[in-house]
Amino acid sequence: MGKKFPIHSMHPERICWVCSKYCPTDSMRCGNGSEQSQHPVELLGDDWMAFGLDAAETIAPAH
């Protein structure tokens, strides 16, 4: 079982989010290269859970 993904991290910029290791940005072990993979809150904002396939349907379906 993997680690539970934090919905709201205190300091998302300090961690690489690409795999379940959640390495510090200055010591990445997964071979991602030299760039930190951003947490969704950094890319999409505080309401990032409202995007994507798993998001709750917010618009009523057309009849």
Protein backbone atom coordinates (compact mmCIF):
# COMPACT_ATOMS: atom_id res chain seq x y z
CA MET A 1 0.00 0.00 0.00
CA GLY A 2 1.35 3.42 -0.96
CA LYS A 3 1.53 6.52 1.12
CA LYS A 4 -1.59 8.64 1.45
CA PHE A 5 -1.35 11.62 -0.91
CA PRO A 6 -1.65 14.91 1.01
CA ILE A 7 -4.45 17.08 -0.35
CA HIS A 8 -3.10 20.28 1.20
CA SER A 9 0.63 20.13 1.92
CA MET A 10 2.13 22.78 4.20
CA HIS A 11 5.14 23.39 1.90
CA PRO A 12 4.55 21.63 -1.44
CA GLU A 13 7.54 23.36 -3.02
CA ARG A 14 9.95 21.44 -0.76
CA ILE A 15 9.02 17.97 -2.04
CA CYS A 16 9.08 16.17 -5.40
CA TRP A 17 5.64 14.59 -5.94
CA VAL A 18 6.39 12.29 -8.92
CA CYS A 19 6.48 8.99 -7.00
CA SER A 20 5.54 7.65 -3.57
CA LYS A 21 9.00 8.41 -2.14
CA TYR A 22 8.24 12.15 -1.79
CA CYS A 23 11.94 13.11 -1.80
CA PRO A 24 13.29 16.50 -0.77
CA THR A 25 13.91 18.62 -3.90
CA ASP A 26 17.65 18.63 -3.24
CA SER A 27 17.89 14.82 -2.94
CA MET A 28 15.60 13.10 -5.49
CA ARG A 29 16.03 9.31 -5.67
CA CYS A 30 13.56 8.35 -8.43
CA GLY A 31 15.68 9.47 -11.38
CA ASN A 32 13.23 12.21 -12.32
CA GLY A 33 16.13 14.42 -13.33
CA SER A 34 16.92 17.68 -11.66
CA GLU A 35 13.43 19.23 -11.59
CA GLN A 36 10.90 18.91 -8.83
CA SER A 37 7.50 17.60 -9.93
CA GLN A 38 4.95 20.02 -8.57
CA HIS A 39 2.06 19.21 -6.30
CA PRO A 40 -1.32 19.78 -8.01
CA VAL A 41 -2.04 22.70 -5.69
CA GLU A 42 0.99 24.48 -7.18
CA LEU A 43 -0.29 23.93 -10.72
CA LEU A 44 -4.05 24.32 -10.36
CA GLY A 45 -4.61 26.22 -7.12
CA ASP A 46 -6.37 25.35 -3.87
CA ASP A 47 -9.39 23.87 -5.66
CA TRP A 48 -7.29 21.34 -7.60
CA MET A 49 -9.52 18.44 -6.54
CA ALA A 50 -12.33 19.95 -8.66
CA PHE A 51 -10.41 19.11 -11.87
CA GLY A 52 -10.06 15.81 -13.69
CA LEU A 53 -11.89 12.54 -14.06
CA ASP A 54 -12.38 11.94 -10.32
CA ALA A 55 -13.84 15.37 -9.65
CA ALA A 56 -17.44 15.67 -8.53
CA GLU A 57 -19.82 16.62 -11.32
CA THR A 58 -20.50 20.34 -10.94
CA ILE A 59 -22.59 20.96 -14.05
CA ALA A 60 -26.02 19.37 -14.42
CA PRO A 61 -26.14 17.01 -17.42
CA ALA A 62 -27.99 18.27 -20.50
CA HIS A 63 -31.36 16.66 -21.24
